[in-house]
Amino acid sequence: MRKWIVAGNWKMHNTIAESVELARAIKEGTAGLNKGEVVIAPPFTALASVAEAIRGSFVSLAAQNMYSEDKGAYTGEVAPGMLIDAGCVYVLLGHSERRKYFFETDEGVNLKVKKALAAGLKPIICVGETDDERVGGITKSVVDRQVQGALAGVETIENVVVAYEPVWAIGTGKVATSAQAGEVHAFIRSILKKLYGAAAQDARILYGGSVTKDNVAELAAMEDIDGALVGGASLKPDGFLGIISRMP
């Protein structure tokens, strides 16, 4: 049985002190948890401090992005080894905001995925369609391109997590119905089966897009939904812990 993940993406929010305070609250709130996996992704500036705050807890640390080189003259970028040094276990890659605002491509995401895995980080690869693409009936072709593009040349799915985040549902209050989300998750698993055979059955696929404690249980009940990538609701302890408490 696949172990669920609830991951909180704090995006460009919180000072170091605010991040540590939130991390400590999540650490305390998950102290008795003996199932699933909890991941938090603070801003870069807070990674090392948050790593110390959650040391010895049930919570794992993620970065929100990384560069596809180990070192060099790449001003403003962060290498995978630096993330590991700061305490990271996971890294988010290909988030729709990175694609939209920073023009990241499937090819660029693929380079990062390979570099993350080689360094020992577990990538959480984000995929999903825009509202226009859904209305245009090309959701599956977009998701197929993004998944296969991100995983091109990746030999094993063992340490990879995929997060389906319909762009039209991120921060909008709109949520894909459980049936809509379940259909795309099943489609993603079918892609992974074509690429990796039986191993795809163990791969975890998360849903993201205006997830709250009020809708997560219905989403998580779907066969191929293995947890949630949470944005706004992860910035308050009550909201994030409420989501975790409703996981199966």
C-alpha atoms as a PDB file:
ATOM      1  CA  MET A   1       0.000   0.000   0.000  1.00  0.00           C
ATOM      2  CA  ARG A   2       1.340   3.424  -0.960  1.00  0.00           C
ATOM      3  CA  LYS A   3       2.178   5.818   1.889  1.00  0.00           C
ATOM      4  CA  TRP A   4       0.368   9.140   1.488  1.00  0.00           C
ATOM      5  CA  ILE A   5       2.180  12.474   1.453  1.00  0.00           C
ATOM      6  CA  VAL A   6       0.899  15.888   2.497  1.00  0.00           C
ATOM      7  CA  ALA A   7       3.382  18.537   1.323  1.00  0.00           C
ATOM      8  CA  GLY A   8       3.131  22.242   2.095  1.00  0.00           C
ATOM      9  CA  ASN A   9       4.524  24.720  -0.432  1.00  0.00           C
ATOM     10  CA  TRP A  10       4.998  28.031   1.388  1.00  0.00           C
ATOM     11  CA  LYS A  11       6.018  29.830  -1.818  1.00  0.00           C
ATOM     12  CA  MET A  12       7.353  33.389  -1.267  1.00  0.00           C
ATOM     13  CA  HIS A  13       5.966  33.758   2.239  1.00  0.00           C
ATOM     14  CA  ASN A  14       7.421  34.000   5.750  1.00  0.00           C
ATOM     15  CA  THR A  15      10.595  35.399   7.251  1.00  0.00           C
ATOM     16  CA  ILE A  16      13.051  33.018   8.884  1.00  0.00           C
ATOM     17  CA  ALA A  17      11.438  33.591  12.287  1.00  0.00           C
ATOM     18  CA  GLU A  18       7.923  33.074  10.908  1.00  0.00           C
ATOM     19  CA  SER A  19       9.033  29.932   9.091  1.00  0.00           C
ATOM     20  CA  VAL A  20      10.571  28.465  12.239  1.00  0.00           C
ATOM     21  CA  GLU A  21       7.442  29.250  14.245  1.00  0.00           C
ATOM     22  CA  LEU A  22       5.223  27.542  11.673  1.00  0.00           C
ATOM     23  CA  ALA A  23       7.565  24.562  11.381  1.00  0.00           C
ATOM     24  CA  ARG A  24       7.582  24.072  15.148  1.00  0.00           C
ATOM     25  CA  ALA A  25       3.792  24.147  15.246  1.00  0.00           C
ATOM     26  CA  ILE A  26       3.628  21.498  12.516  1.00  0.00           C
ATOM     27  CA  LYS A  27       6.270  19.416  14.315  1.00  0.00           C
ATOM     28  CA  GLU A  28       4.232  19.508  17.522  1.00  0.00           C
ATOM     29  CA  GLY A  29       0.980  18.818  15.701  1.00  0.00           C
ATOM     30  CA  THR A  30       2.356  15.704  14.004  1.00  0.00           C
ATOM     31  CA  ALA A  31       4.234  14.325  17.024  1.00  0.00           C
ATOM     32  CA  GLY A  32       1.906  11.356  17.463  1.00  0.00           C
ATOM     33  CA  LEU A  33       1.474  10.598  13.766  1.00  0.00           C
ATOM     34  CA  ASN A  34       2.459   7.080  12.724  1.00  0.00           C
ATOM     35  CA  LYS A  35       1.243   6.979   9.134  1.00  0.00           C
ATOM     36  CA  GLY A  36       1.850   8.846   5.908  1.00  0.00           C
ATOM     37  CA  GLU A  37       4.521  11.466   5.335  1.00  0.00           C
ATOM     38  CA  VAL A  38       4.568  15.219   5.962  1.00  0.00           C
ATOM     39  CA  VAL A  39       6.770  17.557   3.921  1.00  0.00           C
ATOM     40  CA  ILE A  40       7.207  21.336   4.140  1.00  0.00           C
ATOM     41  CA  ALA A  41       8.863  23.616   1.575  1.00  0.00           C
ATOM     42  CA  PRO A  42       9.865  26.979   3.080  1.00  0.00           C
ATOM     43  CA  PRO A  43      11.654  29.727   1.139  1.00  0.00           C
ATOM     44  CA  PHE A  44      15.381  29.226   0.531  1.00  0.00           C
ATOM     45  CA  THR A  45      16.383  31.709   3.232  1.00  0.00           C
ATOM     46  CA  ALA A  46      14.678  29.635   5.932  1.00  0.00           C
ATOM     47  CA  LEU A  47      15.718  26.120   4.897  1.00  0.00           C
ATOM     48  CA  ALA A  48      18.603  25.603   7.318  1.00  0.00           C
ATOM     49  CA  SER A  49      16.734  27.155  10.251  1.00  0.00           C
ATOM     50  CA  VAL A  50      13.619  25.089   9.570  1.00  0.00           C
ATOM     51  CA  ALA A  51      15.732  21.942   9.221  1.00  0.00           C
ATOM     52  CA  GLU A  52      17.021  22.527  12.733  1.00  0.00           C
ATOM     53  CA  ALA A  53      13.509  23.261  14.042  1.00  0.00           C
ATOM     54  CA  ILE A  54      12.084  19.966  12.726  1.00  0.00           C
ATOM     55  CA  ARG A  55      15.087  17.800  13.570  1.00  0.00           C
ATOM     56  CA  GLY A  56      14.037  14.437  15.001  1.00  0.00           C
ATOM     57  CA  SER A  57      10.401  14.888  13.938  1.00  0.00           C
ATOM     58  CA  PHE A  58       7.981  13.264  11.525  1.00  0.00           C
ATOM     59  CA  VAL A  59       8.384  16.202   9.104  1.00  0.00           C
ATOM     60  CA  SER A  60      10.696  16.219   6.053  1.00  0.00           C
ATOM     61  CA  LEU A  61      12.164  19.298   4.392  1.00  0.00           C
ATOM     62  CA  ALA A  62      11.785  20.267   0.733  1.00  0.00           C
ATOM     63  CA  ALA A  63      13.106  23.097  -1.400  1.00  0.00           C
ATOM     64  CA  GLN A  64      10.866  24.891  -3.868  1.00  0.00           C
ATOM     65  CA  ASN A  65      13.314  24.717  -6.770  1.00  0.00           C
ATOM     66  CA  MET A  66      16.946  24.055  -7.725  1.00  0.00           C
ATOM     67  CA  TYR A  67      19.313  24.439 -10.650  1.00  0.00           C
ATOM     68  CA  SER A  68      20.482  21.629 -12.900  1.00  0.00           C
ATOM     69  CA  GLU A  69      24.209  22.071 -12.247  1.00  0.00           C
ATOM     70  CA  ASP A  70      26.332  21.132  -9.239  1.00  0.00           C
ATOM     71  CA  LYS A  71      28.234  24.421  -9.078  1.00  0.00           C
ATOM     72  CA  GLY A  72      29.459  27.272 -11.244  1.00  0.00           C
ATOM     73  CA  ALA A  73      28.942  30.866 -12.299  1.00  0.00           C
ATOM     74  CA  TYR A  74      25.141  30.813 -12.097  1.00  0.00           C
ATOM     75  CA  THR A  75      24.308  33.901 -10.078  1.00  0.00           C
ATOM     76  CA  GLY A  76      21.128  33.557  -8.071  1.00  0.00           C
ATOM     77  CA  GLU A  77      20.787  29.789  -8.506  1.00  0.00           C
ATOM     78  CA  VAL A  78      20.950  27.023  -5.892  1.00  0.00           C
ATOM     79  CA  ALA A  79      22.621  23.653  -6.469  1.00  0.00           C
ATOM     80  CA  PRO A  80      21.251  20.285  -5.291  1.00  0.00           C
ATOM     81  CA  GLY A  81      24.233  19.723  -2.996  1.00  0.00           C
ATOM     82  CA  MET A  82      23.477  23.017  -1.266  1.00  0.00           C
ATOM     83  CA  LEU A  83      19.918  21.843  -0.608  1.00  0.00           C
ATOM     84  CA  ILE A  84      21.114  18.571   0.882  1.00  0.00           C
ATOM     85  CA  ASP A  85      23.592  20.512   3.013  1.00  0.00           C
ATOM     86  CA  ALA A  86      20.679  22.615   4.292  1.00  0.00           C
ATOM     87  CA  GLY A  87      18.745  19.487   5.254  1.00  0.00           C
ATOM     88  CA  CYS A  88      16.454  18.905   2.284  1.00  0.00           C
ATOM     89  CA  VAL A  89      15.090  15.492   1.375  1.00  0.00           C
ATOM     90  CA  TYR A  90      12.692  16.600  -1.381  1.00  0.00           C
ATOM     91  CA  VAL A  91      12.634  19.316  -4.037  1.00  0.00           C
ATOM     92  CA  LEU A  92       9.648  20.696  -5.964  1.00  0.00           C
ATOM     93  CA  LEU A  93      10.308  20.869  -9.706  1.00  0.00           C
ATOM     94  CA  GLY A  94       8.284  22.227 -12.608  1.00  0.00           C
ATOM     95  CA  HIS A  95       5.666  24.060 -10.571  1.00  0.00           C
ATOM     96  CA  SER A  96       3.237  25.917 -12.827  1.00  0.00           C
ATOM     97  CA  GLU A  97       4.382  29.248 -11.386  1.00  0.00           C
ATOM     98  CA  ARG A  98       7.942  28.424 -12.428  1.00  0.00           C
ATOM     99  CA  ARG A  99       6.679  27.527 -15.891  1.00  0.00           C
ATOM    100  CA  LYS A 100       4.508  30.642 -16.176  1.00  0.00           C
ATOM    101  CA  TYR A 101       6.667  33.373 -14.648  1.00  0.00           C
ATOM    102  CA  PHE A 102      10.147  32.006 -15.301  1.00  0.00           C
ATOM    103  CA  PHE A 103       9.481  30.235 -18.614  1.00  0.00           C
ATOM    104  CA  GLU A 104      10.635  26.800 -17.459  1.00  0.00           C
ATOM    105  CA  THR A 105      10.264  24.075 -20.095  1.00  0.00           C
ATOM    106  CA  ASP A 106       9.745  20.330 -19.941  1.00  0.00           C
ATOM    107  CA  GLU A 107      13.338  19.906 -21.092  1.00  0.00           C
ATOM    108  CA  GLY A 108      14.617  22.131 -18.302  1.00  0.00           C
ATOM    109  CA  VAL A 109      12.543  20.291 -15.713  1.00  0.00           C
ATOM    110  CA  ASN A 110      13.964  17.005 -17.024  1.00  0.00           C
ATOM    111  CA  LEU A 111      17.528  18.204 -16.474  1.00  0.00           C
ATOM    112  CA  LYS A 112      16.644  19.169 -12.906  1.00  0.00           C
ATOM    113  CA  VAL A 113      14.919  15.847 -12.215  1.00  0.00           C
ATOM    114  CA  LYS A 114      17.989  13.913 -13.349  1.00  0.00           C
ATOM    115  CA  LYS A 115      20.329  16.114 -11.323  1.00  0.00           C
ATOM    116  CA  ALA A 116      18.153  15.893  -8.215  1.00  0.00           C
ATOM    117  CA  LEU A 117      18.049  12.097  -8.358  1.00  0.00           C
ATOM    118  CA  ALA A 118      21.783  11.860  -8.985  1.00  0.00           C
ATOM    119  CA  ALA A 119      22.407  14.033  -5.928  1.00  0.00           C
ATOM    120  CA  GLY A 120      20.102  11.990  -3.704  1.00  0.00           C
ATOM    121  CA  LEU A 121      17.122  14.343  -3.599  1.00  0.00           C
ATOM    122  CA  LYS A 122      13.571  13.143  -4.213  1.00  0.00           C
ATOM    123  CA  PRO A 123      11.856  15.310  -6.853  1.00  0.00           C
ATOM    124  CA  ILE A 124       8.181  16.194  -6.626  1.00  0.00           C
ATOM    125  CA  ILE A 125       7.380  16.898 -10.277  1.00  0.00           C
ATOM    126  CA  CYS A 126       4.448  19.253 -10.847  1.00  0.00           C
ATOM    127  CA  VAL A 127       2.244  18.907 -13.931  1.00  0.00           C
ATOM    128  CA  GLY A 128      -1.113  20.309 -14.929  1.00  0.00           C
ATOM    129  CA  GLU A 129      -3.180  22.130 -17.524  1.00  0.00           C
ATOM    130  CA  THR A 130      -4.458  25.705 -17.718  1.00  0.00           C
ATOM    131  CA  ASP A 131      -8.134  26.612 -17.857  1.00  0.00           C
ATOM    132  CA  ASP A 132      -7.922  27.223 -21.619  1.00  0.00           C
ATOM    133  CA  GLU A 133      -6.305  23.821 -22.135  1.00  0.00           C
ATOM    134  CA  ARG A 134      -9.012  22.063 -20.113  1.00  0.00           C
ATOM    135  CA  VAL A 135     -11.778  23.900 -21.960  1.00  0.00           C
ATOM    136  CA  GLY A 136     -10.016  23.027 -25.211  1.00  0.00           C
ATOM    137  CA  GLY A 137     -10.141  19.342 -24.342  1.00  0.00           C
ATOM    138  CA  ILE A 138      -6.368  18.820 -24.321  1.00  0.00           C
ATOM    139  CA  THR A 139      -5.813  18.114 -20.615  1.00  0.00           C
ATOM    140  CA  LYS A 140      -4.487  14.610 -21.231  1.00  0.00           C
ATOM    141  CA  SER A 141      -2.168  15.588 -24.054  1.00  0.00           C
ATOM    142  CA  VAL A 142      -0.692  18.416 -21.946  1.00  0.00           C
ATOM    143  CA  VAL A 143      -0.217  16.182 -18.911  1.00  0.00           C
ATOM    144  CA  ASP A 144       1.229  13.385 -21.044  1.00  0.00           C
ATOM    145  CA  ARG A 145       3.760  15.764 -22.581  1.00  0.00           C
ATOM    146  CA  GLN A 146       4.778  17.160 -19.198  1.00  0.00           C
ATOM    147  CA  VAL A 147       5.118  13.779 -17.468  1.00  0.00           C
ATOM    148  CA  GLN A 148       7.021  12.114 -20.282  1.00  0.00           C
ATOM    149  CA  GLY A 149       9.132  15.228 -20.823  1.00  0.00           C
ATOM    150  CA  ALA A 150      10.120  15.442 -17.164  1.00  0.00           C
ATOM    151  CA  LEU A 151      10.983  11.737 -16.989  1.00  0.00           C
ATOM    152  CA  ALA A 152      12.815  11.337 -20.303  1.00  0.00           C
ATOM    153  CA  GLY A 153      15.876   9.193 -19.661  1.00  0.00           C
ATOM    154  CA  VAL A 154      15.005   8.647 -15.992  1.00  0.00           C
ATOM    155  CA  GLU A 155      15.542   4.935 -15.431  1.00  0.00           C
ATOM    156  CA  THR A 156      13.592   4.380 -12.221  1.00  0.00           C
ATOM    157  CA  ILE A 157      10.461   5.871 -10.678  1.00  0.00           C
ATOM    158  CA  GLU A 158      11.396   4.720  -7.159  1.00  0.00           C
ATOM    159  CA  ASN A 159      12.242   8.117  -5.620  1.00  0.00           C
ATOM    160  CA  VAL A 160      10.016  10.263  -7.825  1.00  0.00           C
ATOM    161  CA  VAL A 161       6.703  11.829  -6.778  1.00  0.00           C
ATOM    162  CA  VAL A 162       4.336  13.386  -9.325  1.00  0.00           C
ATOM    163  CA  ALA A 163       1.938  16.166  -8.337  1.00  0.00           C
ATOM    164  CA  TYR A 164      -1.051  16.920 -10.558  1.00  0.00           C
ATOM    165  CA  GLU A 165      -1.922  20.588 -10.129  1.00  0.00           C
ATOM    166  CA  PRO A 166      -4.503  21.929 -12.565  1.00  0.00           C
ATOM    167  CA  VAL A 167      -3.342  25.513 -13.033  1.00  0.00           C
ATOM    168  CA  TRP A 168      -6.912  26.798 -13.011  1.00  0.00           C
ATOM    169  CA  ALA A 169      -7.318  25.512  -9.433  1.00  0.00           C
ATOM    170  CA  ILE A 170      -4.151  26.970  -7.884  1.00  0.00           C
ATOM    171  CA  GLY A 171      -4.975  29.806  -5.510  1.00  0.00           C
ATOM    172  CA  THR A 172      -8.330  30.406  -7.174  1.00  0.00           C
ATOM    173  CA  GLY A 173     -10.616  28.605  -4.756  1.00  0.00           C
ATOM    174  CA  LYS A 174     -11.652  26.318  -7.605  1.00  0.00           C
ATOM    175  CA  VAL A 175     -11.031  22.642  -6.977  1.00  0.00           C
ATOM    176  CA  ALA A 176     -11.184  19.788  -9.429  1.00  0.00           C
ATOM    177  CA  THR A 177     -13.968  17.435  -8.441  1.00  0.00           C
ATOM    178  CA  SER A 178     -12.822  14.112  -7.044  1.00  0.00           C
ATOM    179  CA  ALA A 179     -13.961  12.512 -10.293  1.00  0.00           C
ATOM    180  CA  GLN A 180     -11.998  14.999 -12.436  1.00  0.00           C
ATOM    181  CA  ALA A 181      -8.870  14.653 -10.321  1.00  0.00           C
ATOM    182  CA  GLY A 182      -9.207  10.886 -10.096  1.00  0.00           C
ATOM    183  CA  GLU A 183      -9.463  10.575 -13.871  1.00  0.00           C
ATOM    184  CA  VAL A 184      -6.254  12.530 -14.466  1.00  0.00           C
ATOM    185  CA  HIS A 185      -4.409  10.689 -11.684  1.00  0.00           C
ATOM    186  CA  ALA A 186      -5.394   7.355 -13.223  1.00  0.00           C
ATOM    187  CA  PHE A 187      -4.173   8.651 -16.579  1.00  0.00           C
ATOM    188  CA  ILE A 188      -0.834   9.684 -15.058  1.00  0.00           C
ATOM    189  CA  ARG A 189      -0.439   6.238 -13.521  1.00  0.00           C
ATOM    190  CA  SER A 190      -1.115   4.694 -16.924  1.00  0.00           C
ATOM    191  CA  ILE A 191       1.723   6.795 -18.376  1.00  0.00           C
ATOM    192  CA  LEU A 192       4.037   5.667 -15.592  1.00  0.00           C
ATOM    193  CA  LYS A 193       3.076   2.032 -16.235  1.00  0.00           C
ATOM    194  CA  LYS A 194       4.045   2.409 -19.874  1.00  0.00           C
ATOM    195  CA  LEU A 195       7.398   3.838 -18.809  1.00  0.00           C
ATOM    196  CA  TYR A 196       8.186   1.730 -15.738  1.00  0.00           C
ATOM    197  CA  GLY A 197       5.904  -1.294 -15.763  1.00  0.00           C
ATOM    198  CA  ALA A 198       4.776  -2.740 -12.438  1.00  0.00           C
ATOM    199  CA  ALA A 199       6.931  -0.284 -10.474  1.00  0.00           C
ATOM    200  CA  ALA A 200       4.451   2.461 -11.386  1.00  0.00           C
ATOM    201  CA  GLN A 201       1.932   0.936  -8.996  1.00  0.00           C
ATOM    202  CA  ASP A 202       4.113   2.056  -6.100  1.00  0.00           C
ATOM    203  CA  ALA A 203       4.665   5.594  -7.405  1.00  0.00           C
ATOM    204  CA  ARG A 204       2.910   8.324  -5.454  1.00  0.00           C
ATOM    205  CA  ILE A 205       0.789  10.920  -7.249  1.00  0.00           C
ATOM    206  CA  LEU A 206      -0.406  13.966  -5.310  1.00  0.00           C
ATOM    207  CA  TYR A 207      -3.233  16.391  -6.042  1.00  0.00           C
ATOM    208  CA  GLY A 208      -2.699  20.130  -5.671  1.00  0.00           C
ATOM    209  CA  GLY A 209      -4.981  23.099  -6.222  1.00  0.00           C
ATOM    210  CA  SER A 210      -6.929  24.887  -3.457  1.00  0.00           C
ATOM    211  CA  VAL A 211      -6.746  21.858  -1.167  1.00  0.00           C
ATOM    212  CA  THR A 212      -8.288  22.411   2.272  1.00  0.00           C
ATOM    213  CA  LYS A 213      -9.281  20.305   5.266  1.00  0.00           C
ATOM    214  CA  ASP A 214     -12.841  20.384   3.938  1.00  0.00           C
ATOM    215  CA  ASN A 215     -12.143  18.760   0.558  1.00  0.00           C
ATOM    216  CA  VAL A 216      -9.034  16.645   1.062  1.00  0.00           C
ATOM    217  CA  ALA A 217     -10.761  13.517   2.405  1.00  0.00           C
ATOM    218  CA  GLU A 218     -12.929  13.138  -0.699  1.00  0.00           C
ATOM    219  CA  LEU A 219      -9.924  13.647  -2.964  1.00  0.00           C
ATOM    220  CA  ALA A 220      -7.706  11.247  -1.016  1.00  0.00           C
ATOM    221  CA  ALA A 221     -10.377   8.559  -1.203  1.00  0.00           C
ATOM    222  CA  MET A 222      -9.762   8.212  -4.935  1.00  0.00           C
ATOM    223  CA  GLU A 223      -7.706   5.155  -5.846  1.00  0.00           C
ATOM    224  CA  ASP A 224      -4.814   6.915  -7.551  1.00  0.00           C
ATOM    225  CA  ILE A 225      -4.590  10.034  -5.355  1.00  0.00           C
ATOM    226  CA  ASP A 226      -1.842   9.518  -2.794  1.00  0.00           C
ATOM    227  CA  GLY A 227      -1.924  12.820  -0.960  1.00  0.00           C
ATOM    228  CA  ALA A 228      -1.836  16.550  -1.492  1.00  0.00           C
ATOM    229  CA  LEU A 229       0.487  19.382  -2.430  1.00  0.00           C
ATOM    230  CA  VAL A 230      -0.920  22.273  -0.442  1.00  0.00           C
ATOM    231  CA  GLY A 231      -0.383  25.981  -1.047  1.00  0.00           C
ATOM    232  CA  GLY A 232      -2.252  28.645   0.897  1.00  0.00           C
ATOM    233  CA  ALA A 233      -3.699  26.262   3.476  1.00  0.00           C
ATOM    234  CA  SER A 234      -0.174  25.205   4.494  1.00  0.00           C
ATOM    235  CA  LEU A 235       0.655  28.675   5.830  1.00  0.00           C
ATOM    236  CA  LYS A 236      -1.453  28.274   8.988  1.00  0.00           C
ATOM    237  CA  PRO A 237      -0.929  25.394  11.425  1.00  0.00           C
ATOM    238  CA  ASP A 238      -4.644  24.730  11.860  1.00  0.00           C
ATOM    239  CA  GLY A 239      -5.287  24.525   8.135  1.00  0.00           C
ATOM    240  CA  PHE A 240      -2.317  22.287   7.371  1.00  0.00           C
ATOM    241  CA  LEU A 241      -2.752  20.022  10.385  1.00  0.00           C
ATOM    242  CA  GLY A 242      -6.460  19.817   9.590  1.00  0.00           C
ATOM    243  CA  ILE A 243      -5.628  18.433   6.156  1.00  0.00           C
ATOM    244  CA  ILE A 244      -3.208  15.913   7.637  1.00  0.00           C
ATOM    245  CA  SER A 245      -5.792  14.765  10.194  1.00  0.00           C
ATOM    246  CA  ARG A 246      -8.246  13.882   7.427  1.00  0.00           C
ATOM    247  CA  MET A 247      -5.864  11.634   5.509  1.00  0.00           C
ATOM    248  CA  PRO A 248      -6.762   7.916   5.564  1.00  0.00           C
END
